[in-house]
Amino acid sequence: MIEILPADSGEMFREFLEFPYTLYRDNPHWVPQLNRDIKALFSKDNPFFEHAEVQPFIARKNGSTAGRITAIYNTTYTDYYNEPVGFFGFFDCIDDLEVARSLIDAVKNWLVSRNMTSMMGPMNFSSNEEIGVLFEGFDEPPMIMMPYNHPYYDRLYKECGFERVRDLFAYIADVPDSFPEKVYRVARISEKKGVSVRPIRMKHFAQEMEIFREIYNSAWEKNWGFMPMTANEINHAAKELKSIVVPDLTLIAEHNGEAVGFMMFLPDFNYVLKKLDGRLLPFGIFKALWHTRKITDARLLLLGIKPGFRRRGVDSLLFLKGLEGLKKHGYKRMEFSWILEDNHDVKRVIETMNGDLYKKYRVYQCSI
């Protein structure tokens, strides 16, 4: 008695939103996202929908909600890679293979109708947002914009015929008093060659984020899973990020006035979201302001350097200025995520900072 139903609006979409609260009710590490943020993500005002279609589904078993999933058709990906690949995301499910298969079959059928021949995920909605299923490291809550799920999800994906595409790593490290001498030496050489680092200018936030988009689309274009960001998408992201960005942790590297690198640490607002239980009203805003002062972790969300300026000490200079900001604001730990399993250059840099690999995520794909 399994039903798969579209969850576009009204009661069905509320059921889609509320299901995780039941599924993770007894899990101390799950962090509920603000319902208003999820609604905004699915809103047609999100510029992602300028080049994509999304269809959420819910599963009911014997009349009770048993799972959810979203089908995603992204023309940016199909055009950029010239591959008929669709995506799925927002997968949550009871430990029931029949329910999982029914949800995934619904996505397959939806994607086949759009001439896709394979599906990849989980992604919420793309590699520029939450991505992957956690398969190692369940004993700590996720940091901001990182997924968390039950351990049995990885098994369900395999039993549904998915195969591993990529593993993504998250490292954790204490904020040190200083870095190894080599980092300082390389940074000094970089400065002598005309490289400088400055904090983002909040009064010109939109323009600064456009600089980020330029660097991002240049620095990441050869990386697995890269999807270029449009001007409308970065403007939309700027509005979402402005209230939580710390200028001392959001840095631009310049060479003789040209922007060549970008670094962004975000305070781990998941600590606050955990206290809010996904609901900002009626008194959540006051709780948020109170608990914001208690955040001690930060996540390195972005680090990008234009191809012509790599291995020239720009990363060392960014890390040194980032360390100053972390210490200034009292952060105790920093997470580096997500890191591609085969990105050995970045992994070596993290290891010099005594980063410990503490969480692993996986992206799957299957033919349809």
Protein backbone atom coordinates (compact mmCIF):
# COMPACT_ATOMS: atom_id res chain seq x y z
CA MET A 1 0.00 0.00 0.00
CA ILE A 2 2.53 2.60 -1.19
CA GLU A 3 1.40 5.83 -2.86
CA ILE A 4 3.72 8.30 -4.59
CA LEU A 5 2.13 11.72 -4.89
CA PRO A 6 3.31 15.06 -6.34
CA ALA A 7 3.82 17.66 -3.60
CA ASP A 8 3.59 20.93 -5.47
CA SER A 9 1.61 23.10 -3.08
CA GLY A 10 -0.78 23.36 -0.18
CA GLU A 11 -1.15 20.46 2.22
CA MET A 12 1.02 18.18 0.09
CA PHE A 13 3.98 20.54 0.18
CA ARG A 14 3.55 21.05 3.93
CA GLU A 15 3.68 17.27 4.27
CA PHE A 16 6.90 17.34 2.23
CA LEU A 17 8.34 19.99 4.57
CA GLU A 18 7.29 18.39 7.83
CA PHE A 19 8.28 14.77 7.16
CA PRO A 20 11.92 15.12 8.32
CA TYR A 21 10.75 16.29 11.76
CA THR A 22 9.09 12.91 12.24
CA LEU A 23 11.90 10.92 10.65
CA TYR A 24 14.68 12.49 12.75
CA ARG A 25 12.68 13.12 15.91
CA ASP A 26 14.99 10.99 18.06
CA ASN A 27 18.28 11.85 16.35
CA PRO A 28 20.34 14.31 18.45
CA HIS A 29 22.57 15.37 15.55
CA TRP A 30 20.03 16.28 12.86
CA VAL A 31 19.64 20.04 12.34
CA PRO A 32 16.27 21.29 11.02
CA GLN A 33 16.54 24.00 8.38
CA LEU A 34 14.23 26.99 8.57
CA ASN A 35 10.98 26.12 6.80
CA ARG A 36 10.87 29.60 5.30
CA ASP A 37 14.29 29.00 3.70
CA ILE A 38 13.14 25.72 2.15
CA LYS A 39 10.00 27.43 0.84
CA ALA A 40 12.14 30.19 -0.66
CA LEU A 41 14.33 27.60 -2.36
CA PHE A 42 11.26 26.06 -4.06
CA SER A 43 9.78 29.46 -4.89
CA LYS A 44 9.61 30.48 -8.53
CA ASP A 45 11.46 33.63 -7.47
CA ASN A 46 14.56 31.45 -7.14
CA PRO A 47 16.58 32.14 -10.35
CA PHE A 48 17.51 28.46 -10.45
CA PHE A 49 14.11 27.99 -12.10
CA GLU A 50 15.19 30.15 -15.02
CA HIS A 51 17.07 27.11 -16.33
CA ALA A 52 15.61 24.20 -14.37
CA GLU A 53 12.45 22.28 -13.50
CA VAL A 54 11.80 20.65 -10.14
CA GLN A 55 9.12 18.18 -9.06
CA PRO A 56 8.78 17.18 -5.38
CA PHE A 57 7.10 13.89 -4.42
CA ILE A 58 5.98 12.32 -1.17
CA ALA A 59 5.51 8.63 -0.39
CA ARG A 60 2.76 7.28 1.82
CA LYS A 61 2.69 3.73 3.16
CA ASN A 62 -0.56 2.50 4.64
CA GLY A 63 -1.71 6.11 4.78
CA SER A 64 1.29 7.52 6.67
CA THR A 65 4.08 9.65 5.22
CA ALA A 66 7.07 7.38 4.60
CA GLY A 67 9.40 9.38 2.35
CA ARG A 68 10.04 12.30 0.06
CA ILE A 69 12.21 13.13 -2.94
CA THR A 70 12.63 15.81 -5.60
CA ALA A 71 13.25 15.30 -9.33
CA ILE A 72 15.47 17.96 -10.94
CA TYR A 73 16.00 18.75 -14.62
CA ASN A 74 18.79 21.32 -14.98
CA THR A 75 19.44 22.60 -18.50
CA THR A 76 22.61 24.38 -17.34
CA TYR A 77 24.14 20.97 -16.67
CA THR A 78 22.87 19.28 -19.82
CA ASP A 79 24.02 22.19 -22.00
CA TYR A 80 27.41 22.63 -20.30
CA TYR A 81 28.34 18.94 -20.33
CA ASN A 82 26.21 17.86 -23.29
CA GLU A 83 25.01 14.90 -21.22
CA PRO A 84 21.38 13.80 -20.67
CA VAL A 85 21.74 13.58 -16.87
CA GLY A 86 18.95 14.48 -14.47
CA PHE A 87 19.16 14.81 -10.71
CA PHE A 88 17.37 14.00 -7.50
CA GLY A 89 17.50 15.63 -4.09
CA PHE A 90 15.71 16.11 -0.78
CA PHE A 91 15.61 12.34 -0.36
CA ASP A 92 14.33 11.25 3.05
CA CYS A 93 12.88 7.84 3.69
CA ILE A 94 12.07 5.31 6.38
CA ASP A 95 14.28 2.22 6.34
CA ASP A 96 12.14 0.48 3.75
CA LEU A 97 13.55 -0.62 0.39
CA GLU A 98 10.13 -0.78 -1.25
CA VAL A 99 9.38 2.84 -0.35
CA ALA A 100 12.84 3.98 -1.49
CA ARG A 101 12.47 2.21 -4.84
CA SER A 102 9.02 3.71 -5.37
CA LEU A 103 10.35 7.22 -4.77
CA ILE A 104 13.33 6.72 -7.07
CA ASP A 105 11.14 5.15 -9.77
CA ALA A 106 8.93 8.25 -9.68
CA VAL A 107 11.98 10.43 -10.36
CA LYS A 108 13.17 8.09 -13.11
CA ASN A 109 9.83 8.26 -14.89
CA TRP A 110 9.73 12.06 -14.60
CA LEU A 111 13.26 12.40 -15.98
CA VAL A 112 12.65 9.91 -18.81
CA SER A 113 9.80 12.13 -19.97
CA ARG A 114 12.45 14.84 -20.40
CA ASN A 115 14.73 12.52 -22.39
CA MET A 116 17.26 11.97 -19.59
CA THR A 117 19.13 8.66 -19.61
CA SER A 118 20.67 8.72 -16.12
CA MET A 119 20.14 10.36 -12.74
CA MET A 120 22.64 11.66 -10.20
CA GLY A 121 22.39 12.82 -6.61
CA PRO A 122 21.49 13.64 -3.99
CA MET A 123 21.72 17.37 -4.72
CA ASN A 124 19.56 20.16 -3.25
CA PHE A 125 19.33 21.42 -6.07
CA SER A 126 22.83 21.47 -7.57
CA SER A 127 26.50 21.13 -6.71
CA ASN A 128 26.39 24.82 -5.72
CA GLU A 129 24.21 23.88 -2.74
CA GLU A 130 23.88 20.85 -0.44
CA ILE A 131 25.22 17.74 -2.10
CA GLY A 132 25.90 14.10 -1.25
CA VAL A 133 24.77 11.49 1.25
CA LEU A 134 26.66 11.18 4.51
CA PHE A 135 28.14 7.69 4.89
CA GLU A 136 30.83 8.21 7.55
CA GLY A 137 30.85 10.58 10.51
CA PHE A 138 27.42 10.43 12.10
CA ASP A 139 28.48 11.34 15.64
CA GLU A 140 28.54 15.13 15.16
CA PRO A 141 25.94 17.52 13.70
CA PRO A 142 26.60 18.90 10.21
CA MET A 143 27.90 22.41 9.74
CA ILE A 144 26.06 25.06 7.78
CA MET A 145 24.93 24.00 4.28
CA MET A 146 26.14 20.43 4.75
CA PRO A 147 23.74 17.43 4.71
CA TYR A 148 22.95 14.94 7.43
CA ASN A 149 20.99 11.70 7.10
CA HIS A 150 20.42 8.29 8.66
CA PRO A 151 23.22 5.71 8.19
CA TYR A 152 20.94 3.34 6.24
CA TYR A 153 20.55 5.78 3.32
CA ASP A 154 23.81 4.64 1.72
CA ARG A 155 22.58 1.05 1.78
CA LEU A 156 19.23 2.02 0.25
CA TYR A 157 20.94 3.78 -2.65
CA LYS A 158 23.07 0.72 -3.40
CA GLU A 159 20.08 -1.62 -3.18
CA CYS A 160 18.22 0.66 -5.60
CA GLY A 161 20.93 0.18 -8.21
CA PHE A 162 23.02 3.33 -7.75
CA GLU A 163 26.78 3.33 -8.21
CA ARG A 164 29.31 5.66 -6.62
CA VAL A 165 30.37 8.67 -8.69
CA ARG A 166 32.48 10.72 -6.25
CA ASP A 167 33.28 10.90 -2.58
CA LEU A 168 33.47 14.28 -0.88
CA PHE A 169 35.40 14.88 2.34
CA ALA A 170 35.02 17.19 5.32
CA TYR A 171 37.98 17.96 7.58
CA ILE A 172 37.93 19.50 11.04
CA ALA A 173 40.74 21.36 12.79
CA ASP A 174 41.23 23.53 15.82
CA VAL A 175 41.90 27.16 15.02
CA PRO A 176 45.66 27.34 15.67
CA ASP A 177 47.65 30.17 17.20
CA SER A 178 49.82 30.10 14.08
CA PHE A 179 50.52 28.12 10.92
CA PRO A 180 53.74 26.32 9.97
CA GLU A 181 56.61 28.66 9.05
CA LYS A 182 56.42 27.53 5.41
CA VAL A 183 52.98 29.19 5.09
CA TYR A 184 54.38 32.54 6.27
CA ARG A 185 57.40 32.27 4.01
CA VAL A 186 55.31 31.55 0.91
CA ALA A 187 52.87 34.32 1.83
CA ARG A 188 55.69 36.87 2.11
CA ILE A 189 56.93 35.91 -1.35
CA SER A 190 53.41 36.36 -2.71
CA GLU A 191 53.16 39.83 -1.17
CA LYS A 192 56.48 40.84 -2.71
CA LYS A 193 55.04 39.88 -6.10
CA GLY A 194 52.15 42.29 -5.73
CA VAL A 195 49.45 40.14 -4.10
CA SER A 196 47.35 41.60 -1.29
CA VAL A 197 44.26 40.44 0.58
CA ARG A 198 41.36 42.57 1.80
CA PRO A 199 38.01 41.92 3.49
CA ILE A 200 34.83 42.15 1.48
CA ARG A 201 33.23 45.62 1.37
CA MET A 202 29.75 45.25 2.81
CA LYS A 203 28.60 48.61 1.41
CA HIS A 204 29.25 47.21 -2.06
CA PHE A 205 28.17 43.66 -1.32
CA ALA A 206 26.45 42.99 -4.65
CA GLN A 207 29.49 44.13 -6.62
CA GLU A 208 31.80 42.07 -4.40
CA MET A 209 29.69 38.99 -4.98
CA GLU A 210 29.95 39.56 -8.72
CA ILE A 211 33.73 39.43 -8.26
CA PHE A 212 33.20 36.14 -6.49
CA ARG A 213 31.12 34.83 -9.42
CA GLU A 214 33.89 35.72 -11.87
CA ILE A 215 36.50 33.94 -9.76
CA TYR A 216 34.22 30.99 -9.08
CA ASN A 217 33.37 30.38 -12.73
CA SER A 218 37.06 30.64 -13.62
CA ALA A 219 38.60 28.72 -10.71
CA TRP A 220 36.16 25.80 -10.53
CA GLU A 221 35.34 25.24 -14.20
CA LYS A 222 37.62 22.18 -14.48
CA ASN A 223 36.37 20.61 -11.23
CA TRP A 224 34.06 17.62 -11.21
CA GLY A 225 30.41 18.63 -10.88
CA PHE A 226 30.99 22.30 -11.67
CA MET A 227 27.93 24.26 -12.75
CA PRO A 228 28.44 27.91 -13.72
CA MET A 229 26.48 30.47 -11.73
CA THR A 230 24.43 33.11 -13.54
CA ALA A 231 24.37 36.77 -12.55
CA ASN A 232 20.80 36.36 -11.27
CA GLU A 233 21.81 33.36 -9.16
CA ILE A 234 24.69 35.20 -7.52
CA ASN A 235 22.47 38.22 -6.84
CA HIS A 236 19.94 35.91 -5.21
CA ALA A 237 22.68 34.21 -3.16
CA ALA A 238 24.00 37.62 -2.10
CA LYS A 239 20.64 38.52 -0.56
CA GLU A 240 20.60 35.21 1.35
CA LEU A 241 24.19 35.46 2.57
CA LYS A 242 24.53 39.13 3.44
CA SER A 243 23.04 38.81 6.91
CA ILE A 244 25.43 36.03 7.97
CA VAL A 245 28.67 37.00 6.21
CA VAL A 246 31.53 38.22 8.44
CA PRO A 247 33.75 40.64 6.46
CA ASP A 248 36.92 39.54 8.27
CA LEU A 249 36.19 35.97 7.12
CA THR A 250 35.21 36.83 3.53
CA LEU A 251 38.37 37.81 1.70
CA ILE A 252 39.42 38.85 -1.80
CA ALA A 253 42.99 38.44 -3.04
CA GLU A 254 44.18 40.98 -5.58
CA HIS A 255 47.25 41.23 -7.81
CA ASN A 256 47.99 44.81 -8.77
CA GLY A 257 44.29 45.62 -8.41
CA GLU A 258 42.94 42.54 -10.24
CA ALA A 259 40.85 40.12 -8.18
CA VAL A 260 42.53 36.70 -8.40
CA GLY A 261 41.27 34.76 -5.37
CA PHE A 262 38.36 34.49 -2.98
CA MET A 263 37.88 32.88 0.45
CA MET A 264 34.72 32.63 2.54
CA PHE A 265 34.40 31.22 6.04
CA LEU A 266 30.81 31.12 7.30
CA PRO A 267 29.92 30.97 11.00
CA ASP A 268 28.22 27.65 11.72
CA PHE A 269 24.67 28.91 12.00
CA ASN A 270 23.50 25.32 12.29
CA TYR A 271 24.23 25.79 15.99
CA VAL A 272 21.50 28.44 16.04
CA LEU A 273 19.12 26.48 13.78
CA LYS A 274 19.34 23.54 16.18
CA LYS A 275 18.01 25.81 18.94
CA LEU A 276 15.23 27.19 16.73
CA ASP A 277 13.92 23.77 15.64
CA GLY A 278 13.36 25.11 12.12
CA ARG A 279 10.90 27.80 13.18
CA LEU A 280 11.75 31.48 13.46
CA LEU A 281 8.39 32.66 14.81
CA PRO A 282 7.04 33.79 17.20
CA PHE A 283 10.17 34.24 19.35
CA GLY A 284 12.83 32.57 17.23
CA ILE A 285 14.47 35.83 16.19
CA PHE A 286 15.35 36.58 19.82
CA LYS A 287 16.72 33.07 20.29
CA ALA A 288 18.75 33.47 17.12
CA LEU A 289 20.33 36.71 18.29
CA TRP A 290 21.16 35.17 21.66
CA HIS A 291 22.70 31.97 20.32
CA THR A 292 24.61 33.66 17.51
CA ARG A 293 27.03 34.95 20.12
CA LYS A 294 27.79 31.37 21.17
CA ILE A 295 28.90 30.07 17.77
CA THR A 296 32.49 28.76 17.99
CA ASP A 297 32.79 26.86 14.68
CA ALA A 298 33.23 28.18 11.15
CA ARG A 299 33.10 26.40 7.82
CA LEU A 300 35.43 27.18 4.93
CA LEU A 301 32.72 27.30 2.30
CA LEU A 302 34.75 28.64 -0.63
CA LEU A 303 38.36 28.95 -1.65
CA GLY A 304 39.12 29.71 -5.27
CA ILE A 305 42.12 31.06 -7.15
CA LYS A 306 42.22 31.89 -10.84
CA PRO A 307 44.24 29.35 -12.84
CA GLY A 308 47.10 31.75 -13.70
CA PHE A 309 47.75 32.50 -10.02
CA ARG A 310 47.83 29.05 -8.47
CA ARG A 311 50.94 27.80 -6.66
CA ARG A 312 52.08 31.39 -6.24
CA GLY A 313 51.31 31.75 -2.54
CA VAL A 314 47.87 33.31 -2.93
CA ASP A 315 46.27 30.51 -0.89
CA SER A 316 48.84 30.94 1.91
CA LEU A 317 48.12 34.67 2.11
CA LEU A 318 44.37 34.07 2.17
CA PHE A 319 44.71 31.49 4.94
CA LEU A 320 46.85 33.80 7.06
CA LYS A 321 44.34 36.64 6.79
CA GLY A 322 41.52 34.17 7.42
CA LEU A 323 43.28 32.95 10.57
CA GLU A 324 43.49 36.52 11.83
CA GLY A 325 39.72 36.87 11.34
CA LEU A 326 38.91 33.58 13.04
CA LYS A 327 41.01 34.47 16.08
CA LYS A 328 39.65 38.02 16.21
CA HIS A 329 36.07 36.74 16.43
CA GLY A 330 36.81 33.93 18.87
CA TYR A 331 36.21 30.86 16.69
CA LYS A 332 37.66 27.63 18.04
CA ARG A 333 37.25 25.13 15.19
CA MET A 334 37.20 25.30 11.40
CA GLU A 335 35.74 22.84 8.92
CA PHE A 336 37.08 22.46 5.38
CA SER A 337 34.27 21.14 3.17
CA TRP A 338 33.48 19.81 0.81
CA ILE A 339 36.77 18.54 -0.67
CA LEU A 340 36.85 16.21 -3.67
CA GLU A 341 38.49 12.88 -2.86
CA ASP A 342 41.05 13.38 -5.65
CA ASN A 343 41.86 17.04 -4.92
CA HIS A 344 45.28 16.15 -3.55
CA ASP A 345 46.68 19.71 -3.60
CA VAL A 346 43.97 21.02 -1.27
CA LYS A 347 44.14 17.91 0.92
CA ARG A 348 47.87 18.47 1.43
CA VAL A 349 47.25 22.08 2.48
CA ILE A 350 44.63 20.96 4.99
CA GLU A 351 46.95 18.32 6.40
CA THR A 352 49.59 20.99 7.09
CA MET A 353 46.95 22.65 9.27
CA ASN A 354 46.38 19.40 11.20
CA GLY A 355 42.96 18.88 9.67
CA ASP A 356 41.34 15.53 10.52
CA LEU A 357 39.09 13.78 8.01
CA TYR A 358 35.91 13.35 10.05
CA LYS A 359 33.00 13.13 7.61
CA LYS A 360 32.57 11.51 4.18
CA TYR A 361 29.81 12.10 1.66
CA ARG A 362 28.99 10.26 -1.56
CA VAL A 363 27.29 11.15 -4.84
CA TYR A 364 25.56 8.35 -6.73
CA GLN A 365 24.39 7.81 -10.28
CA CYS A 366 22.31 5.19 -12.09
CA SER A 367 20.96 4.59 -15.57
CA ILE A 368 17.25 5.07 -16.19
